């Protein structure tokens, strides 16, 4: 993303709102809107925002997983699959 092309003053947004929204939406752009020369808000396509939120959620899960591994709170793959197979077997027995 080129910031030089992505920074617009609020006056530009006011006078070109529909054009800006269409451009952001169609081209998956993110714009920085300034007020009195200071960055104040981000205007972003909703799909880009959703992807960003999903990425953040995955990063949080990875960070939490790393902490759990450091604490020794994990199972081996074999142990996990054995436990899962036991649960499936128990479920099947209860269905009969």
PDB file of N, CA and C in Angstrom:
ATOM      1  N   UNK A   1       0.841  -1.168   0.000  1.00  0.00           N
ATOM      2  CA  UNK A   1       0.000   0.000   0.000  1.00  0.00           C
ATOM      3  C   UNK A   1       0.894   1.241   0.000  1.00  0.00           C
ATOM      4  N   UNK A   2       0.652   2.135  -0.925  1.00  0.00           N
ATOM      5  CA  UNK A   2       1.396   3.375  -0.989  1.00  0.00           C
ATOM      6  C   UNK A   2       0.658   4.434  -0.175  1.00  0.00           C
ATOM      7  N   UNK A   3       1.275   4.873   0.909  1.00  0.00           N
ATOM      8  CA  UNK A   3       0.630   5.859   1.760  1.00  0.00           C
ATOM      9  C   UNK A   3       0.410   7.182   1.041  1.00  0.00           C
ATOM     10  N   UNK A   4       1.298   7.515   0.122  1.00  0.00           N
ATOM     11  CA  UNK A   4       1.157   8.786  -0.591  1.00  0.00           C
ATOM     12  C   UNK A   4      -0.145   8.852  -1.383  1.00  0.00           C
ATOM     13  N   UNK A   5      -0.641   7.713  -1.811  1.00  0.00           N
ATOM     14  CA  UNK A   5      -1.897   7.651  -2.560  1.00  0.00           C
ATOM     15  C   UNK A   5      -3.079   7.334  -1.657  1.00  0.00           C
ATOM     16  N   UNK A   6      -2.829   7.030  -0.403  1.00  0.00           N
ATOM     17  CA  UNK A   6      -3.877   6.555   0.490  1.00  0.00           C
ATOM     18  C   UNK A   6      -4.245   7.537   1.591  1.00  0.00           C
ATOM     19  N   UNK A   7      -3.699   8.743   1.535  1.00  0.00           N
ATOM     20  CA  UNK A   7      -4.008   9.748   2.557  1.00  0.00           C
ATOM     21  C   UNK A   7      -4.830  10.856   1.918  1.00  0.00           C
ATOM     22  N   UNK A   8      -5.990  11.113   2.500  1.00  0.00           N
ATOM     23  CA  UNK A   8      -6.871  12.162   1.981  1.00  0.00           C
ATOM     24  C   UNK A   8      -7.378  13.009   3.144  1.00  0.00           C
ATOM     25  N   UNK A   9      -7.503  14.318   2.926  1.00  0.00           N
ATOM     26  CA  UNK A   9      -8.063  15.161   3.974  1.00  0.00           C
ATOM     27  C   UNK A   9      -9.580  14.952   4.073  1.00  0.00           C
ATOM     28  N   UNK A  10     -10.122  15.279   5.206  1.00  0.00           N
ATOM     29  CA  UNK A  10     -11.557  15.096   5.419  1.00  0.00           C
ATOM     30  C   UNK A  10     -12.380  15.925   4.423  1.00  0.00           C
ATOM     31  N   UNK A  11     -11.844  17.048   3.997  1.00  0.00           N
ATOM     32  CA  UNK A  11     -12.557  17.879   3.013  1.00  0.00           C
ATOM     33  C   UNK A  11     -12.733  17.121   1.693  1.00  0.00           C
ATOM     34  N   UNK A  12     -11.724  16.328   1.312  1.00  0.00           N
ATOM     35  CA  UNK A  12     -11.833  15.514   0.102  1.00  0.00           C
ATOM     36  C   UNK A  12     -12.933  14.473   0.271  1.00  0.00           C
ATOM     37  N   UNK A  13     -12.975  13.848   1.443  1.00  0.00           N
ATOM     38  CA  UNK A  13     -14.007  12.852   1.713  1.00  0.00           C
ATOM     39  C   UNK A  13     -15.393  13.487   1.653  1.00  0.00           C
ATOM     40  N   UNK A  14     -15.532  14.676   2.213  1.00  0.00           N
ATOM     41  CA  UNK A  14     -16.831  15.366   2.216  1.00  0.00           C
ATOM     42  C   UNK A  14     -17.314  15.664   0.798  1.00  0.00           C
ATOM     43  N   UNK A  15     -16.427  16.092  -0.060  1.00  0.00           N
ATOM     44  CA  UNK A  15     -16.837  16.485  -1.419  1.00  0.00           C
ATOM     45  C   UNK A  15     -16.896  15.322  -2.404  1.00  0.00           C
ATOM     46  N   UNK A  16     -16.243  14.203  -2.076  1.00  0.00           N
ATOM     47  CA  UNK A  16     -16.200  13.062  -2.998  1.00  0.00           C
ATOM     48  C   UNK A  16     -16.627  11.758  -2.319  1.00  0.00           C
ATOM     49  N   UNK A  17     -17.546  11.830  -1.374  1.00  0.00           N
ATOM     50  CA  UNK A  17     -17.887  10.665  -0.551  1.00  0.00           C
ATOM     51  C   UNK A  17     -18.290   9.439  -1.366  1.00  0.00           C
ATOM     52  N   UNK A  18     -19.218   9.585  -2.294  1.00  0.00           N
ATOM     53  CA  UNK A  18     -19.681   8.409  -3.043  1.00  0.00           C
ATOM     54  C   UNK A  18     -18.565   7.828  -3.902  1.00  0.00           C
ATOM     55  N   UNK A  19     -17.756   8.691  -4.499  1.00  0.00           N
ATOM     56  CA  UNK A  19     -16.626   8.232  -5.307  1.00  0.00           C
ATOM     57  C   UNK A  19     -15.597   7.494  -4.443  1.00  0.00           C
ATOM     58  N   UNK A  20     -15.305   8.032  -3.275  1.00  0.00           N
ATOM     59  CA  UNK A  20     -14.344   7.419  -2.356  1.00  0.00           C
ATOM     60  C   UNK A  20     -14.846   6.045  -1.899  1.00  0.00           C
ATOM     61  N   UNK A  21     -16.108   5.980  -1.501  1.00  0.00           N
ATOM     62  CA  UNK A  21     -16.676   4.707  -1.028  1.00  0.00           C
ATOM     63  C   UNK A  21     -16.632   3.675  -2.151  1.00  0.00           C
ATOM     64  N   UNK A  22     -17.004   4.071  -3.354  1.00  0.00           N
ATOM     65  CA  UNK A  22     -16.988   3.143  -4.494  1.00  0.00           C
ATOM     66  C   UNK A  22     -15.560   2.655  -4.765  1.00  0.00           C
ATOM     67  N   UNK A  23     -14.594   3.579  -4.754  1.00  0.00           N
ATOM     68  CA  UNK A  23     -13.197   3.225  -5.019  1.00  0.00           C
ATOM     69  C   UNK A  23     -12.650   2.290  -3.946  1.00  0.00           C
ATOM     70  N   UNK A  24     -12.921   2.596  -2.691  1.00  0.00           N
ATOM     71  CA  UNK A  24     -12.455   1.750  -1.583  1.00  0.00           C
ATOM     72  C   UNK A  24     -13.062   0.359  -1.704  1.00  0.00           C
ATOM     73  N   UNK A  25     -14.345   0.314  -2.000  1.00  0.00           N
ATOM     74  CA  UNK A  25     -15.054  -0.968  -2.079  1.00  0.00           C
ATOM     75  C   UNK A  25     -14.605  -1.803  -3.284  1.00  0.00           C
ATOM     76  N   UNK A  26     -14.562  -1.199  -4.446  1.00  0.00           N
ATOM     77  CA  UNK A  26     -14.234  -1.939  -5.666  1.00  0.00           C
ATOM     78  C   UNK A  26     -12.777  -2.370  -5.724  1.00  0.00           C
ATOM     79  N   UNK A  27     -11.886  -1.545  -5.208  1.00  0.00           N
ATOM     80  CA  UNK A  27     -10.448  -1.814  -5.316  1.00  0.00           C
ATOM     81  C   UNK A  27      -9.820  -2.319  -4.022  1.00  0.00           C
ATOM     82  N   UNK A  28     -10.669  -2.589  -3.028  1.00  0.00           N
ATOM     83  CA  UNK A  28     -10.213  -3.120  -1.733  1.00  0.00           C
ATOM     84  C   UNK A  28      -9.121  -2.229  -1.127  1.00  0.00           C
ATOM     85  N   UNK A  29      -9.319  -0.922  -1.234  1.00  0.00           N
ATOM     86  CA  UNK A  29      -8.350   0.028  -0.725  1.00  0.00           C
ATOM     87  C   UNK A  29      -8.580   0.330   0.750  1.00  0.00           C
ATOM     88  N   UNK A  30      -7.586   0.882   1.359  1.00  0.00           N
ATOM     89  CA  UNK A  30      -7.677   1.431   2.708  1.00  0.00           C
ATOM     90  C   UNK A  30      -7.184   2.867   2.623  1.00  0.00           C
ATOM     91  N   UNK A  31      -7.984   3.801   3.118  1.00  0.00           N
ATOM     92  CA  UNK A  31      -7.608   5.209   3.097  1.00  0.00           C
ATOM     93  C   UNK A  31      -7.432   5.735   4.512  1.00  0.00           C
ATOM     94  N   UNK A  32      -6.443   6.601   4.659  1.00  0.00           N
ATOM     95  CA  UNK A  32      -6.235   7.321   5.909  1.00  0.00           C
ATOM     96  C   UNK A  32      -6.863   8.698   5.707  1.00  0.00           C
ATOM     97  N   UNK A  33      -7.800   9.058   6.576  1.00  0.00           N
ATOM     98  CA  UNK A  33      -8.455  10.354   6.493  1.00  0.00           C
ATOM     99  C   UNK A  33      -7.841  11.267   7.557  1.00  0.00           C
ATOM    100  N   UNK A  34      -7.420  12.457   7.111  1.00  0.00           N
ATOM    101  CA  UNK A  34      -6.785  13.404   8.033  1.00  0.00           C
ATOM    102  C   UNK A  34      -7.736  14.546   8.374  1.00  0.00           C
ATOM    103  N   UNK A  35      -7.507  15.124   9.520  1.00  0.00           N
ATOM    104  CA  UNK A  35      -8.227  16.320   9.950  1.00  0.00           C
ATOM    105  C   UNK A  35      -7.206  17.260  10.556  1.00  0.00           C
ATOM    106  N   UNK A  36      -7.123  18.464  10.017  1.00  0.00           N
ATOM    107  CA  UNK A  36      -6.104  19.436  10.443  1.00  0.00           C
ATOM    108  C   UNK A  36      -4.689  18.853  10.345  1.00  0.00           C
ATOM    109  N   UNK A  37      -4.447  18.085   9.279  1.00  0.00           N
ATOM    110  CA  UNK A  37      -3.122  17.537   9.027  1.00  0.00           C
ATOM    111  C   UNK A  37      -2.743  16.316   9.842  1.00  0.00           C
ATOM    112  N   UNK A  38      -3.654  15.839  10.688  1.00  0.00           N
ATOM    113  CA  UNK A  38      -3.390  14.672  11.534  1.00  0.00           C
ATOM    114  C   UNK A  38      -4.237  13.487  11.090  1.00  0.00           C
ATOM    115  N   UNK A  39      -3.642  12.323  11.045  1.00  0.00           N
ATOM    116  CA  UNK A  39      -4.411  11.121  10.727  1.00  0.00           C
ATOM    117  C   UNK A  39      -5.447  10.890  11.829  1.00  0.00           C
ATOM    118  N   UNK A  40      -6.708  10.711  11.424  1.00  0.00           N
ATOM    119  CA  UNK A  40      -7.783  10.562  12.407  1.00  0.00           C
ATOM    120  C   UNK A  40      -8.537   9.239  12.271  1.00  0.00           C
ATOM    121  N   UNK A  41      -8.831   8.822  11.042  1.00  0.00           N
ATOM    122  CA  UNK A  41      -9.609   7.591  10.853  1.00  0.00           C
ATOM    123  C   UNK A  41      -9.096   6.827   9.635  1.00  0.00           C
ATOM    124  N   UNK A  42      -9.490   5.572   9.604  1.00  0.00           N
ATOM    125  CA  UNK A  42      -9.190   4.702   8.474  1.00  0.00           C
ATOM    126  C   UNK A  42     -10.503   4.346   7.796  1.00  0.00           C
ATOM    127  N   UNK A  43     -10.533   4.441   6.499  1.00  0.00           N
ATOM    128  CA  UNK A  43     -11.692   4.022   5.712  1.00  0.00           C
ATOM    129  C   UNK A  43     -11.262   2.779   4.959  1.00  0.00           C
ATOM    130  N   UNK A  44     -11.970   1.678   5.214  1.00  0.00           N
ATOM    131  CA  UNK A  44     -11.503   0.390   4.700  1.00  0.00           C
ATOM    132  C   UNK A  44     -12.675  -0.412   4.163  1.00  0.00           C
ATOM    133  N   UNK A  45     -12.431  -1.157   3.101  1.00  0.00           N
ATOM    134  CA  UNK A  45     -13.431  -2.074   2.564  1.00  0.00           C
ATOM    135  C   UNK A  45     -13.786  -3.100   3.627  1.00  0.00           C
ATOM    136  N   UNK A  46     -15.056  -3.441   3.730  1.00  0.00           N
ATOM    137  CA  UNK A  46     -15.508  -4.340   4.793  1.00  0.00           C
ATOM    138  C   UNK A  46     -14.876  -5.732   4.668  1.00  0.00           C
ATOM    139  N   UNK A  47     -14.657  -6.205   3.462  1.00  0.00           N
ATOM    140  CA  UNK A  47     -14.029  -7.528   3.279  1.00  0.00           C
ATOM    141  C   UNK A  47     -12.582  -7.511   3.776  1.00  0.00           C
ATOM    142  N   UNK A  48     -11.879  -6.438   3.507  1.00  0.00           N
ATOM    143  CA  UNK A  48     -10.503  -6.301   3.994  1.00  0.00           C
ATOM    144  C   UNK A  48     -10.501  -6.252   5.515  1.00  0.00           C
ATOM    145  N   UNK A  49     -11.454  -5.510   6.088  1.00  0.00           N
ATOM    146  CA  UNK A  49     -11.569  -5.427   7.547  1.00  0.00           C
ATOM    147  C   UNK A  49     -11.831  -6.806   8.148  1.00  0.00           C
ATOM    148  N   UNK A  50     -12.755  -7.558   7.558  1.00  0.00           N
ATOM    149  CA  UNK A  50     -13.068  -8.895   8.072  1.00  0.00           C
ATOM    150  C   UNK A  50     -11.844  -9.810   8.009  1.00  0.00           C
ATOM    151  N   UNK A  51     -11.098  -9.756   6.914  1.00  0.00           N
ATOM    152  CA  UNK A  51      -9.885 -10.573   6.802  1.00  0.00           C
ATOM    153  C   UNK A  51      -8.859 -10.184   7.855  1.00  0.00           C
ATOM    154  N   UNK A  52      -8.743  -8.890   8.107  1.00  0.00           N
ATOM    155  CA  UNK A  52      -7.816  -8.410   9.134  1.00  0.00           C
ATOM    156  C   UNK A  52      -8.217  -8.940  10.505  1.00  0.00           C
ATOM    157  N   UNK A  53      -9.509  -8.885  10.815  1.00  0.00           N
ATOM    158  CA  UNK A  53      -9.994  -9.374  12.099  1.00  0.00           C
ATOM    159  C   UNK A  53      -9.772 -10.881  12.240  1.00  0.00           C
ATOM    160  N   UNK A  54     -10.004 -11.629  11.162  1.00  0.00           N
ATOM    161  CA  UNK A  54      -9.761 -13.072  11.180  1.00  0.00           C
ATOM    162  C   UNK A  54      -8.282 -13.364  11.403  1.00  0.00           C
ATOM    163  N   UNK A  55      -7.418 -12.609  10.744  1.00  0.00           N
ATOM    164  CA  UNK A  55      -5.973 -12.790  10.923  1.00  0.00           C
ATOM    165  C   UNK A  55      -5.558 -12.500  12.353  1.00  0.00           C
ATOM    166  N   UNK A  56      -6.096 -11.444  12.933  1.00  0.00           N
ATOM    167  CA  UNK A  56      -5.788 -11.122  14.330  1.00  0.00           C
ATOM    168  C   UNK A  56      -6.246 -12.224  15.267  1.00  0.00           C
ATOM    169  N   UNK A  57      -7.435 -12.773  15.002  1.00  0.00           N
ATOM    170  CA  UNK A  57      -7.942 -13.855  15.844  1.00  0.00           C
ATOM    171  C   UNK A  57      -7.015 -15.068  15.767  1.00  0.00           C
ATOM    172  N   UNK A  58      -6.563 -15.407  14.571  1.00  0.00           N
ATOM    173  CA  UNK A  58      -5.646 -16.541  14.412  1.00  0.00           C
ATOM    174  C   UNK A  58      -4.319 -16.282  15.115  1.00  0.00           C
ATOM    175  N   UNK A  59      -3.827 -15.057  15.030  1.00  0.00           N
ATOM    176  CA  UNK A  59      -2.573 -14.719  15.708  1.00  0.00           C
ATOM    177  C   UNK A  59      -2.727 -14.829  17.224  1.00  0.00           C
ATOM    178  N   UNK A  60      -3.880 -14.432  17.744  1.00  0.00           N
ATOM    179  CA  UNK A  60      -4.131 -14.565  19.186  1.00  0.00           C
ATOM    180  C   UNK A  60      -4.156 -16.029  19.597  1.00  0.00           C
ATOM    181  N   UNK A  61      -4.801 -16.862  18.780  1.00  0.00           N
ATOM    182  CA  UNK A  61      -4.848 -18.298  19.063  1.00  0.00           C
ATOM    183  C   UNK A  61      -3.437 -18.880  19.061  1.00  0.00           C
ATOM    184  N   UNK A  62      -2.626 -18.481  18.078  1.00  0.00           N
ATOM    185  CA  UNK A  62      -1.237 -18.965  18.016  1.00  0.00           C
ATOM    186  C   UNK A  62      -0.444 -18.523  19.244  1.00  0.00           C
ATOM    187  N   UNK A  63      -0.632 -17.279  19.651  1.00  0.00           N
ATOM    188  CA  UNK A  63       0.083 -16.774  20.828  1.00  0.00           C
ATOM    189  C   UNK A  63      -0.330 -17.548  22.075  1.00  0.00           C
ATOM    190  N   UNK A  64      -1.626 -17.792  22.232  1.00  0.00           N
ATOM    191  CA  UNK A  64      -2.100 -18.557  23.385  1.00  0.00           C
ATOM    192  C   UNK A  64      -1.576 -19.991  23.343  1.00  0.00           C
ATOM    193  N   UNK A  65      -1.552 -20.567  22.150  1.00  0.00           N
ATOM    194  CA  UNK A  65      -1.035 -21.928  21.998  1.00  0.00           C
ATOM    195  C   UNK A  65       0.433 -21.997  22.396  1.00  0.00           C
ATOM    196  N   UNK A  66       1.190 -20.993  21.975  1.00  0.00           N
ATOM    197  CA  UNK A  66       2.613 -20.954  22.341  1.00  0.00           C
ATOM    198  C   UNK A  66       2.809 -20.893  23.841  1.00  0.00           C
ATOM    199  N   UNK A  67       1.971 -20.127  24.522  1.00  0.00           N
ATOM    200  CA  UNK A  67       2.059 -20.035  25.982  1.00  0.00           C
ATOM    201  C   UNK A  67       1.738 -21.379  26.629  1.00  0.00           C
ATOM    202  N   UNK A  68       0.716 -22.060  26.113  1.00  0.00           N
ATOM    203  CA  UNK A  68       0.339 -23.363  26.663  1.00  0.00           C
ATOM    204  C   UNK A  68       1.445 -24.395  26.454  1.00  0.00           C
ATOM    205  N   UNK A  69       2.082 -24.350  25.302  1.00  0.00           N
ATOM    206  CA  UNK A  69       3.183 -25.281  25.027  1.00  0.00           C
ATOM    207  C   UNK A  69       4.340 -25.031  25.993  1.00  0.00           C
ATOM    208  N   UNK A  70       4.653 -23.756  26.232  1.00  0.00           N
ATOM    209  CA  UNK A  70       5.733 -23.430  27.167  1.00  0.00           C
ATOM    210  C   UNK A  70       5.411 -23.914  28.580  1.00  0.00           C
ATOM    211  N   UNK A  71       4.134 -23.942  28.933  1.00  0.00           N
ATOM    212  CA  UNK A  71       3.715 -24.416  30.255  1.00  0.00           C
ATOM    213  C   UNK A  71       3.644 -25.938  30.318  1.00  0.00           C
ATOM    214  N   UNK A  72       3.827 -26.586  29.164  1.00  0.00           N
ATOM    215  CA  UNK A  72       3.768 -28.051  29.131  1.00  0.00           C
ATOM    216  C   UNK A  72       2.347 -28.586  29.042  1.00  0.00           C
ATOM    217  N   UNK A  73       1.401 -27.737  28.719  1.00  0.00           N
ATOM    218  CA  UNK A  73      -0.004 -28.150  28.637  1.00  0.00           C
ATOM    219  C   UNK A  73      -0.350 -28.517  27.196  1.00  0.00           C
ATOM    220  N   UNK A  74       0.061 -29.704  26.805  1.00  0.00           N
ATOM    221  CA  UNK A  74      -0.259 -30.194  25.471  1.00  0.00           C
ATOM    222  C   UNK A  74      -0.218 -31.711  25.474  1.00  0.00           C
ATOM    223  N   UNK A  75      -0.792 -32.294  24.424  1.00  0.00           N
ATOM    224  CA  UNK A  75      -0.766 -33.744  24.237  1.00  0.00           C
ATOM    225  C   UNK A  75      -0.094 -34.057  22.908  1.00  0.00           C
ATOM    226  N   UNK A  76       0.451 -35.247  22.835  1.00  0.00           N
ATOM    227  CA  UNK A  76       1.036 -35.663  21.566  1.00  0.00           C
ATOM    228  C   UNK A  76      -0.093 -35.942  20.574  1.00  0.00           C
ATOM    229  N   UNK A  77       0.247 -35.972  19.306  1.00  0.00           N
ATOM    230  CA  UNK A  77      -0.741 -36.270  18.270  1.00  0.00           C
ATOM    231  C   UNK A  77      -1.328 -37.659  18.497  1.00  0.00           C
ATOM    232  N   UNK A  78      -0.470 -38.637  18.813  1.00  0.00           N
ATOM    233  CA  UNK A  78      -0.951 -40.001  19.046  1.00  0.00           C
ATOM    234  C   UNK A  78      -1.953 -40.039  20.198  1.00  0.00           C
ATOM    235  N   UNK A  79      -1.628 -39.362  21.285  1.00  0.00           N
ATOM    236  CA  UNK A  79      -2.524 -39.338  22.442  1.00  0.00           C
ATOM    237  C   UNK A  79      -3.861 -38.682  22.086  1.00  0.00           C
ATOM    238  N   UNK A  80      -3.794 -37.611  21.328  1.00  0.00           N
ATOM    239  CA  UNK A  80      -5.019 -36.912  20.926  1.00  0.00           C
ATOM    240  C   UNK A  80      -5.889 -37.796  20.050  1.00  0.00           C
ATOM    241  N   UNK A  81      -5.292 -38.471  19.066  1.00  0.00           N
ATOM    242  CA  UNK A  81      -6.079 -39.332  18.186  1.00  0.00           C
ATOM    243  C   UNK A  81      -6.608 -40.560  18.926  1.00  0.00           C
ATOM    244  N   UNK A  82      -5.827 -41.102  19.834  1.00  0.00           N
ATOM    245  CA  UNK A  82      -6.313 -42.230  20.627  1.00  0.00           C
ATOM    246  C   UNK A  82      -7.524 -41.826  21.460  1.00  0.00           C
ATOM    247  N   UNK A  83      -7.449 -40.647  22.073  1.00  0.00           N
ATOM    248  CA  UNK A  83      -8.561 -40.141  22.854  1.00  0.00           C
ATOM    249  C   UNK A  83      -9.792 -39.924  21.972  1.00  0.00           C
ATOM    250  N   UNK A  84      -9.584 -39.383  20.803  1.00  0.00           N
ATOM    251  CA  UNK A  84     -10.687 -39.144  19.867  1.00  0.00           C
ATOM    252  C   UNK A  84     -11.308 -40.465  19.420  1.00  0.00           C
ATOM    253  N   UNK A  85     -10.484 -41.453  19.111  1.00  0.00           N
ATOM    254  CA  UNK A  85     -11.002 -42.763  18.703  1.00  0.00           C
ATOM    255  C   UNK A  85     -11.796 -43.425  19.827  1.00  0.00           C
ATOM    256  N   UNK A  86     -11.334 -43.280  21.060  1.00  0.00           N
ATOM    257  CA  UNK A  86     -12.078 -43.824  22.204  1.00  0.00           C
ATOM    258  C   UNK A  86     -13.448 -43.161  22.328  1.00  0.00           C
ATOM    259  N   UNK A  87     -13.483 -41.873  22.148  1.00  0.00           N
ATOM    260  CA  UNK A  87     -14.757 -41.144  22.240  1.00  0.00           C
ATOM    261  C   UNK A  87     -15.710 -41.565  21.122  1.00  0.00           C
ATOM    262  N   UNK A  88     -15.173 -41.788  19.931  1.00  0.00           N
ATOM    263  CA  UNK A  88     -16.002 -42.249  18.812  1.00  0.00           C
ATOM    264  C   UNK A  88     -16.546 -43.638  19.108  1.00  0.00           C
ATOM    265  N   UNK A  89     -15.697 -44.523  19.617  1.00  0.00           N
ATOM    266  CA  UNK A  89     -16.136 -45.881  19.976  1.00  0.00           C
ATOM    267  C   UNK A  89     -17.230 -45.839  21.033  1.00  0.00           C
ATOM    268  N   UNK A  90     -17.058 -45.000  22.053  1.00  0.00           N
ATOM    269  CA  UNK A  90     -18.078 -44.862  23.101  1.00  0.00           C
ATOM    270  C   UNK A  90     -19.376 -44.342  22.517  1.00  0.00           C
ATOM    271  N   UNK A  91     -19.296 -43.401  21.632  1.00  0.00           N
ATOM    272  CA  UNK A  91     -20.490 -42.846  20.996  1.00  0.00           C
ATOM    273  C   UNK A  91     -21.224 -43.916  20.212  1.00  0.00           C
ATOM    274  N   UNK A  92     -20.474 -44.715  19.420  1.00  0.00           N
ATOM    275  CA  UNK A  92     -21.080 -45.771  18.638  1.00  0.00           C
ATOM    276  C   UNK A  92     -21.763 -46.807  19.517  1.00  0.00           C
ATOM    277  N   UNK A  93     -21.140 -47.170  20.642  1.00  0.00           N
ATOM    278  CA  UNK A  93     -21.724 -48.141  21.569  1.00  0.00           C
ATOM    279  C   UNK A  93     -23.047 -47.631  22.147  1.00  0.00           C
ATOM    280  N   UNK A  94     -23.088 -46.343  22.445  1.00  0.00           N
ATOM    281  CA  UNK A  94     -24.314 -45.747  23.009  1.00  0.00           C
ATOM    282  C   UNK A  94     -25.430 -45.610  21.965  1.00  0.00           C
ATOM    283  N   UNK A  95     -25.084 -45.662  20.687  1.00  0.00           N
ATOM    284  CA  UNK A  95     -26.067 -45.565  19.633  1.00  0.00           C
ATOM    285  C   UNK A  95     -26.752 -46.906  19.355  1.00  0.00           C
ATOM    286  N   UNK A  96     -26.143 -47.988  19.781  1.00  0.00           N
ATOM    287  CA  UNK A  96     -26.690 -49.328  19.491  1.00  0.00           C
ATOM    288  C   UNK A  96     -27.823 -49.687  20.381  1.00  0.00           C
TER     289      UNK A  96
END
